[in-house]
Amino acid sequence: MAPTFSYDHQQQQLSCEIVIHQAKNVEEFMTMNKSSYKSKGNLFLRCYLSAGNNKKIQLDTNEIPSTSDHLSWDESFSLDCSGTQDSINALQTSSVVFELRWRSSTGNTILGLGGSKLVGRAELPWQSVMEAPGMEIEKWVVMNPKNSSRLDGVKPPSVKIGMRVRVPIAIEMKKKKNNRNEKIRDVKYECACHRHSGGCNFCDGYDVLALVAAFEAL
């Protein structure tokens, strides 16, 4: 469990990034369920993020042909977030919902026939990101279909996803010490990847602070 810190500042800031890389095991799944995917179509990934007060933010990737040999998006969503300490402490209980969706390329959106179909769904909690080394993860995420019987021995589609959380490089903190006066000091935490000789292009300009927290609103 990551340690909890209290801040002198009333407003806290976080920078979050979600990276959608590529998909696999899609062709086999769609072939097994070809009755649902009769026409040519496109794939995209939809993300739902908590915005507080039971509201959500919806983000969609670009659409790519489902018949592509290499189902790759390599798209990222960057979000700069600010809020009170209470809102920061709320993030750990929220998750990002990912939906792999298919849309017929022959549908008529004007007539309301261009809606998308859910291929598979997954959730990733922000807590798993906050507690990961360097406050970032990158993994293949299984997109579970609504009806598991549709798998019939075929591997479910998976999407390679990266999630990262960063805080500003210098943060003034107050830390109580037993039998001592309170002292205010600047504390800097470097990303674990800085310990490697190759460095880290992503973390330039940021330090990583271990938090049990996140944000209520993006």
C-alpha atoms as a PDB file:
ATOM      1  CA  MET A   1       0.000   0.000   0.000  1.00  0.00           C
ATOM      2  CA  ALA A   2       1.388   3.404  -0.972  1.00  0.00           C
ATOM      3  CA  PRO A   3       1.829   5.973   1.829  1.00  0.00           C
ATOM      4  CA  THR A   4      -0.589   8.855   2.296  1.00  0.00           C
ATOM      5  CA  PHE A   5       0.691  12.437   2.385  1.00  0.00           C
ATOM      6  CA  SER A   6      -1.028  15.666   3.363  1.00  0.00           C
ATOM      7  CA  TYR A   7      -0.360  18.898   1.516  1.00  0.00           C
ATOM      8  CA  ASP A   8      -0.179  22.554   2.397  1.00  0.00           C
ATOM      9  CA  HIS A   9      -1.872  23.515  -0.848  1.00  0.00           C
ATOM     10  CA  GLN A  10      -5.673  23.466  -1.046  1.00  0.00           C
ATOM     11  CA  GLN A  11      -5.663  22.611  -4.731  1.00  0.00           C
ATOM     12  CA  GLN A  12      -3.838  19.506  -5.959  1.00  0.00           C
ATOM     13  CA  GLN A  13      -2.868  18.696  -9.521  1.00  0.00           C
ATOM     14  CA  LEU A  14      -2.391  15.437 -11.375  1.00  0.00           C
ATOM     15  CA  SER A  15      -1.500  14.642 -14.958  1.00  0.00           C
ATOM     16  CA  CYS A  16      -2.967  11.388 -16.268  1.00  0.00           C
ATOM     17  CA  GLU A  17      -2.388   9.597 -19.536  1.00  0.00           C
ATOM     18  CA  ILE A  18      -4.098   6.622 -21.142  1.00  0.00           C
ATOM     19  CA  VAL A  19      -2.394   4.988 -24.129  1.00  0.00           C
ATOM     20  CA  ILE A  20      -4.224   2.592 -26.450  1.00  0.00           C
ATOM     21  CA  HIS A  21      -1.719   0.497 -28.400  1.00  0.00           C
ATOM     22  CA  GLN A  22      -3.140  -2.468 -30.308  1.00  0.00           C
ATOM     23  CA  ALA A  23      -5.556  -5.403 -30.251  1.00  0.00           C
ATOM     24  CA  LYS A  24      -5.165  -9.143 -30.764  1.00  0.00           C
ATOM     25  CA  ASN A  25      -7.324 -12.301 -30.940  1.00  0.00           C
ATOM     26  CA  VAL A  26     -10.039 -10.275 -32.651  1.00  0.00           C
ATOM     27  CA  GLU A  27     -10.274 -12.064 -36.003  1.00  0.00           C
ATOM     28  CA  GLU A  28     -10.768 -15.491 -34.421  1.00  0.00           C
ATOM     29  CA  PHE A  29     -13.489 -14.175 -32.116  1.00  0.00           C
ATOM     30  CA  MET A  30     -15.365 -12.390 -34.891  1.00  0.00           C
ATOM     31  CA  THR A  31     -15.119 -15.424 -37.171  1.00  0.00           C
ATOM     32  CA  MET A  32     -16.611 -17.595 -34.432  1.00  0.00           C
ATOM     33  CA  ASN A  33     -19.454 -15.078 -34.071  1.00  0.00           C
ATOM     34  CA  LYS A  34     -19.794 -14.110 -37.733  1.00  0.00           C
ATOM     35  CA  SER A  35     -23.584 -13.975 -37.453  1.00  0.00           C
ATOM     36  CA  SER A  36     -23.133 -10.771 -35.433  1.00  0.00           C
ATOM     37  CA  TYR A  37     -20.534  -9.306 -37.788  1.00  0.00           C
ATOM     38  CA  LYS A  38     -21.891 -10.091 -41.254  1.00  0.00           C
ATOM     39  CA  SER A  39     -20.757  -6.949 -43.055  1.00  0.00           C
ATOM     40  CA  LYS A  40     -17.471  -5.094 -43.260  1.00  0.00           C
ATOM     41  CA  GLY A  41     -16.802  -2.963 -40.237  1.00  0.00           C
ATOM     42  CA  ASN A  42     -14.411  -0.986 -38.090  1.00  0.00           C
ATOM     43  CA  LEU A  43     -13.093  -1.397 -34.565  1.00  0.00           C
ATOM     44  CA  PHE A  44     -12.529   1.288 -31.956  1.00  0.00           C
ATOM     45  CA  LEU A  45     -11.970   1.467 -28.216  1.00  0.00           C
ATOM     46  CA  ARG A  46     -14.256   3.526 -25.989  1.00  0.00           C
ATOM     47  CA  CYS A  47     -13.116   4.731 -22.551  1.00  0.00           C
ATOM     48  CA  TYR A  48     -15.317   5.916 -19.692  1.00  0.00           C
ATOM     49  CA  LEU A  49     -13.709   7.939 -16.893  1.00  0.00           C
ATOM     50  CA  SER A  50     -15.310   9.127 -13.675  1.00  0.00           C
ATOM     51  CA  ALA A  51     -16.014  12.868 -13.547  1.00  0.00           C
ATOM     52  CA  GLY A  52     -17.576  12.875 -10.079  1.00  0.00           C
ATOM     53  CA  ASN A  53     -21.225  13.282  -9.076  1.00  0.00           C
ATOM     54  CA  ASN A  54     -22.115  10.078 -10.969  1.00  0.00           C
ATOM     55  CA  LYS A  55     -20.968  11.655 -14.233  1.00  0.00           C
ATOM     56  CA  LYS A  56     -18.612  10.096 -16.759  1.00  0.00           C
ATOM     57  CA  ILE A  57     -16.374  11.308 -19.563  1.00  0.00           C
ATOM     58  CA  GLN A  58     -16.473   9.315 -22.813  1.00  0.00           C
ATOM     59  CA  LEU A  59     -13.406   9.108 -25.066  1.00  0.00           C
ATOM     60  CA  ASP A  60     -13.235   7.177 -28.367  1.00  0.00           C
ATOM     61  CA  THR A  61     -10.221   6.193 -30.445  1.00  0.00           C
ATOM     62  CA  ASN A  62     -10.215   6.442 -34.213  1.00  0.00           C
ATOM     63  CA  GLU A  63     -11.852   3.590 -36.092  1.00  0.00           C
ATOM     64  CA  ILE A  64      -9.726   1.023 -37.935  1.00  0.00           C
ATOM     65  CA  PRO A  65     -10.871  -1.743 -40.325  1.00  0.00           C
ATOM     66  CA  SER A  66     -11.523  -4.965 -38.428  1.00  0.00           C
ATOM     67  CA  THR A  67      -9.877  -6.897 -41.269  1.00  0.00           C
ATOM     68  CA  SER A  68      -6.510  -5.133 -40.866  1.00  0.00           C
ATOM     69  CA  ASP A  69      -3.503  -7.421 -40.466  1.00  0.00           C
ATOM     70  CA  HIS A  70      -2.228  -5.184 -37.669  1.00  0.00           C
ATOM     71  CA  LEU A  71      -4.950  -3.771 -35.420  1.00  0.00           C
ATOM     72  CA  SER A  72      -3.035  -0.804 -34.047  1.00  0.00           C
ATOM     73  CA  TRP A  73      -4.163   2.606 -32.771  1.00  0.00           C
ATOM     74  CA  ASP A  74      -1.179   3.968 -30.828  1.00  0.00           C
ATOM     75  CA  GLU A  75      -3.337   6.811 -29.526  1.00  0.00           C
ATOM     76  CA  SER A  76      -3.091   8.576 -26.186  1.00  0.00           C
ATOM     77  CA  PHE A  77      -5.404  10.727 -24.075  1.00  0.00           C
ATOM     78  CA  SER A  78      -3.761  13.234 -21.705  1.00  0.00           C
ATOM     79  CA  LEU A  79      -5.745  14.829 -18.892  1.00  0.00           C
ATOM     80  CA  ASP A  80      -4.619  17.573 -16.518  1.00  0.00           C
ATOM     81  CA  CYS A  81      -6.642  17.331 -13.326  1.00  0.00           C
ATOM     82  CA  SER A  82      -7.006  19.541 -10.280  1.00  0.00           C
ATOM     83  CA  GLY A  83      -9.089  19.319  -7.138  1.00  0.00           C
ATOM     84  CA  THR A  84      -9.169  19.414  -3.364  1.00  0.00           C
ATOM     85  CA  GLN A  85      -7.469  16.867  -1.145  1.00  0.00           C
ATOM     86  CA  ASP A  86     -10.838  15.121  -0.722  1.00  0.00           C
ATOM     87  CA  SER A  87     -11.271  14.799  -4.473  1.00  0.00           C
ATOM     88  CA  ILE A  88      -7.698  13.564  -4.798  1.00  0.00           C
ATOM     89  CA  ASN A  89      -8.402  10.885  -2.197  1.00  0.00           C
ATOM     90  CA  ALA A  90     -11.455   9.710  -4.164  1.00  0.00           C
ATOM     91  CA  LEU A  91      -9.644   8.421  -7.238  1.00  0.00           C
ATOM     92  CA  GLN A  92      -8.454   5.203  -5.694  1.00  0.00           C
ATOM     93  CA  THR A  93     -12.000   3.859  -5.636  1.00  0.00           C
ATOM     94  CA  SER A  94     -12.730   4.654  -9.296  1.00  0.00           C
ATOM     95  CA  SER A  95     -11.905   2.700 -12.431  1.00  0.00           C
ATOM     96  CA  VAL A  96     -11.565   3.326 -16.147  1.00  0.00           C
ATOM     97  CA  VAL A  97     -14.003   1.276 -18.222  1.00  0.00           C
ATOM     98  CA  PHE A  98     -12.788   0.118 -21.630  1.00  0.00           C
ATOM     99  CA  GLU A  99     -15.113  -1.148 -24.360  1.00  0.00           C
ATOM    100  CA  LEU A 100     -13.907  -2.688 -27.605  1.00  0.00           C
ATOM    101  CA  ARG A 101     -16.642  -1.860 -30.115  1.00  0.00           C
ATOM    102  CA  TRP A 102     -17.439  -2.707 -33.743  1.00  0.00           C
ATOM    103  CA  ARG A 103     -19.345  -0.539 -36.203  1.00  0.00           C
ATOM    104  CA  SER A 104     -20.555  -1.612 -39.627  1.00  0.00           C
ATOM    105  CA  SER A 105     -18.933   0.417 -42.382  1.00  0.00           C
ATOM    106  CA  THR A 106     -22.137   0.107 -44.441  1.00  0.00           C
ATOM    107  CA  GLY A 107     -24.471   1.490 -41.753  1.00  0.00           C
ATOM    108  CA  ASN A 108     -26.410   4.700 -42.273  1.00  0.00           C
ATOM    109  CA  THR A 109     -25.867   6.959 -39.263  1.00  0.00           C
ATOM    110  CA  ILE A 110     -28.430   9.454 -40.593  1.00  0.00           C
ATOM    111  CA  LEU A 111     -31.155   6.808 -40.354  1.00  0.00           C
ATOM    112  CA  GLY A 112     -29.928   5.659 -36.982  1.00  0.00           C
ATOM    113  CA  LEU A 113     -28.422   2.439 -38.345  1.00  0.00           C
ATOM    114  CA  GLY A 114     -24.806   3.286 -37.646  1.00  0.00           C
ATOM    115  CA  GLY A 115     -24.669   2.351 -33.979  1.00  0.00           C
ATOM    116  CA  SER A 116     -21.814   0.240 -32.647  1.00  0.00           C
ATOM    117  CA  LYS A 117     -21.846  -3.233 -31.100  1.00  0.00           C
ATOM    118  CA  LEU A 118     -20.011  -4.187 -27.941  1.00  0.00           C
ATOM    119  CA  VAL A 119     -17.302  -6.776 -28.645  1.00  0.00           C
ATOM    120  CA  GLY A 120     -15.849  -6.938 -25.141  1.00  0.00           C
ATOM    121  CA  ARG A 121     -15.468  -4.946 -21.945  1.00  0.00           C
ATOM    122  CA  ALA A 122     -12.902  -4.497 -19.151  1.00  0.00           C
ATOM    123  CA  GLU A 123     -12.195  -2.263 -16.148  1.00  0.00           C
ATOM    124  CA  LEU A 124      -8.868  -1.075 -14.753  1.00  0.00           C
ATOM    125  CA  PRO A 125      -8.860   0.584 -11.297  1.00  0.00           C
ATOM    126  CA  TRP A 126      -6.716   3.664 -10.780  1.00  0.00           C
ATOM    127  CA  GLN A 127      -5.514   2.054  -7.559  1.00  0.00           C
ATOM    128  CA  SER A 128      -3.532  -0.499  -9.566  1.00  0.00           C
ATOM    129  CA  VAL A 129      -1.784   2.382 -11.339  1.00  0.00           C
ATOM    130  CA  MET A 130      -1.093   4.367  -8.165  1.00  0.00           C
ATOM    131  CA  GLU A 131       0.462   1.343  -6.475  1.00  0.00           C
ATOM    132  CA  ALA A 132       2.542   0.259  -9.485  1.00  0.00           C
ATOM    133  CA  PRO A 133       6.281   1.082  -9.722  1.00  0.00           C
ATOM    134  CA  GLY A 134       6.620   4.580 -11.161  1.00  0.00           C
ATOM    135  CA  MET A 135       2.829   4.961 -10.998  1.00  0.00           C
ATOM    136  CA  GLU A 136       2.384   3.466 -14.454  1.00  0.00           C
ATOM    137  CA  ILE A 137       1.264   0.189 -15.968  1.00  0.00           C
ATOM    138  CA  GLU A 138       1.232  -1.323 -19.441  1.00  0.00           C
ATOM    139  CA  LYS A 139      -0.489  -4.643 -20.038  1.00  0.00           C
ATOM    140  CA  TRP A 140      -2.675  -6.731 -22.305  1.00  0.00           C
ATOM    141  CA  VAL A 141      -6.239  -6.359 -21.055  1.00  0.00           C
ATOM    142  CA  VAL A 142      -8.798  -9.066 -21.852  1.00  0.00           C
ATOM    143  CA  MET A 143     -12.023  -7.692 -23.331  1.00  0.00           C
ATOM    144  CA  ASN A 144     -14.652 -10.031 -21.917  1.00  0.00           C
ATOM    145  CA  PRO A 145     -17.761 -10.469 -24.094  1.00  0.00           C
ATOM    146  CA  LYS A 146     -21.150  -9.920 -22.510  1.00  0.00           C
ATOM    147  CA  ASN A 147     -21.991 -13.574 -23.105  1.00  0.00           C
ATOM    148  CA  SER A 148     -19.061 -15.875 -22.287  1.00  0.00           C
ATOM    149  CA  SER A 149     -20.662 -18.681 -24.305  1.00  0.00           C
ATOM    150  CA  ARG A 150     -19.706 -16.754 -27.438  1.00  0.00           C
ATOM    151  CA  LEU A 151     -16.073 -17.714 -26.875  1.00  0.00           C
ATOM    152  CA  ASP A 152     -16.598 -21.454 -27.469  1.00  0.00           C
ATOM    153  CA  GLY A 153     -12.934 -22.259 -26.889  1.00  0.00           C
ATOM    154  CA  VAL A 154     -11.627 -19.168 -28.701  1.00  0.00           C
ATOM    155  CA  LYS A 155      -9.407 -16.693 -26.873  1.00  0.00           C
ATOM    156  CA  PRO A 156     -11.219 -13.431 -26.085  1.00  0.00           C
ATOM    157  CA  PRO A 157      -9.994 -10.224 -27.749  1.00  0.00           C
ATOM    158  CA  SER A 158      -7.310  -8.311 -25.843  1.00  0.00           C
ATOM    159  CA  VAL A 159      -6.074  -4.726 -26.060  1.00  0.00           C
ATOM    160  CA  LYS A 160      -2.660  -3.469 -24.966  1.00  0.00           C
ATOM    161  CA  ILE A 161      -3.243  -0.456 -22.707  1.00  0.00           C
ATOM    162  CA  GLY A 162      -0.922   1.882 -20.806  1.00  0.00           C
ATOM    163  CA  MET A 163      -1.967   4.110 -17.887  1.00  0.00           C
ATOM    164  CA  ARG A 164       0.203   6.681 -16.093  1.00  0.00           C
ATOM    165  CA  VAL A 165      -0.206   9.256 -13.323  1.00  0.00           C
ATOM    166  CA  ARG A 166       2.169  12.180 -12.688  1.00  0.00           C
ATOM    167  CA  VAL A 167       2.350  15.117 -10.266  1.00  0.00           C
ATOM    168  CA  PRO A 168       4.292  18.397 -10.621  1.00  0.00           C
ATOM    169  CA  ILE A 169       8.050  18.183 -10.064  1.00  0.00           C
ATOM    170  CA  ALA A 170       8.215  20.224  -6.855  1.00  0.00           C
ATOM    171  CA  ILE A 171       5.623  19.817  -4.110  1.00  0.00           C
ATOM    172  CA  GLU A 172       5.760  21.529  -0.757  1.00  0.00           C
ATOM    173  CA  MET A 173       4.790  19.083   1.958  1.00  0.00           C
ATOM    174  CA  LYS A 174       4.252  19.163   5.687  1.00  0.00           C
ATOM    175  CA  LYS A 175       5.197  16.038   7.611  1.00  0.00           C
ATOM    176  CA  LYS A 176       4.763  15.598  11.340  1.00  0.00           C
ATOM    177  CA  LYS A 177       7.556  14.018  13.342  1.00  0.00           C
ATOM    178  CA  ASN A 178       7.173  12.503  16.775  1.00  0.00           C
ATOM    179  CA  ASN A 179       8.473  14.745  19.586  1.00  0.00           C
ATOM    180  CA  ARG A 180       9.605  17.358  17.083  1.00  0.00           C
ATOM    181  CA  ASN A 181       8.243  20.562  15.699  1.00  0.00           C
ATOM    182  CA  GLU A 182       6.534  20.403  12.334  1.00  0.00           C
ATOM    183  CA  LYS A 183       8.902  21.175   9.521  1.00  0.00           C
ATOM    184  CA  ILE A 184       8.048  22.167   5.993  1.00  0.00           C
ATOM    185  CA  ARG A 185      10.350  20.870   3.333  1.00  0.00           C
ATOM    186  CA  ASP A 186      10.412  20.216  -0.383  1.00  0.00           C
ATOM    187  CA  VAL A 187      10.399  16.536  -1.176  1.00  0.00           C
ATOM    188  CA  LYS A 188      11.174  15.133  -4.585  1.00  0.00           C
ATOM    189  CA  TYR A 189      10.528  11.552  -5.672  1.00  0.00           C
ATOM    190  CA  GLU A 190      12.118  10.419  -8.881  1.00  0.00           C
ATOM    191  CA  CYS A 191      10.561   7.947 -11.240  1.00  0.00           C
ATOM    192  CA  ALA A 192      11.928   4.453 -10.788  1.00  0.00           C
ATOM    193  CA  CYS A 193      12.900   4.356 -14.435  1.00  0.00           C
ATOM    194  CA  HIS A 194      15.443   7.148 -13.830  1.00  0.00           C
ATOM    195  CA  ARG A 195      17.548   4.582 -12.043  1.00  0.00           C
ATOM    196  CA  HIS A 196      18.260   2.874 -15.327  1.00  0.00           C
ATOM    197  CA  SER A 197      20.970   4.149 -17.622  1.00  0.00           C
ATOM    198  CA  GLY A 198      18.545   4.481 -20.527  1.00  0.00           C
ATOM    199  CA  GLY A 199      16.506   7.177 -18.771  1.00  0.00           C
ATOM    200  CA  CYS A 200      12.841   7.800 -19.455  1.00  0.00           C
ATOM    201  CA  ASN A 201      11.463  10.088 -22.143  1.00  0.00           C
ATOM    202  CA  PHE A 202       7.985  10.091 -20.641  1.00  0.00           C
ATOM    203  CA  CYS A 203       8.940  11.362 -17.192  1.00  0.00           C
ATOM    204  CA  ASP A 204      10.903  14.441 -18.273  1.00  0.00           C
ATOM    205  CA  GLY A 205       9.664  17.436 -16.289  1.00  0.00           C
ATOM    206  CA  TYR A 206       7.826  15.376 -13.694  1.00  0.00           C
ATOM    207  CA  ASP A 207       8.575  13.571 -10.474  1.00  0.00           C
ATOM    208  CA  VAL A 208       6.577  10.653  -9.237  1.00  0.00           C
ATOM    209  CA  LEU A 209       4.889  10.913  -5.868  1.00  0.00           C
ATOM    210  CA  ALA A 210       3.466   7.797  -4.236  1.00  0.00           C
ATOM    211  CA  LEU A 211      -0.140   8.546  -3.296  1.00  0.00           C
ATOM    212  CA  VAL A 212      -3.147   6.720  -1.998  1.00  0.00           C
ATOM    213  CA  ALA A 213      -5.304   8.965  -4.086  1.00  0.00           C
ATOM    214  CA  ALA A 214      -6.561  10.389  -7.241  1.00  0.00           C
ATOM    215  CA  PHE A 215      -9.195  12.711  -8.521  1.00  0.00           C
ATOM    216  CA  GLU A 216     -12.928  12.947  -8.469  1.00  0.00           C
ATOM    217  CA  ALA A 217     -13.157  15.153 -11.523  1.00  0.00           C
ATOM    218  CA  LEU A 218     -11.045  15.288 -14.659  1.00  0.00           C
END
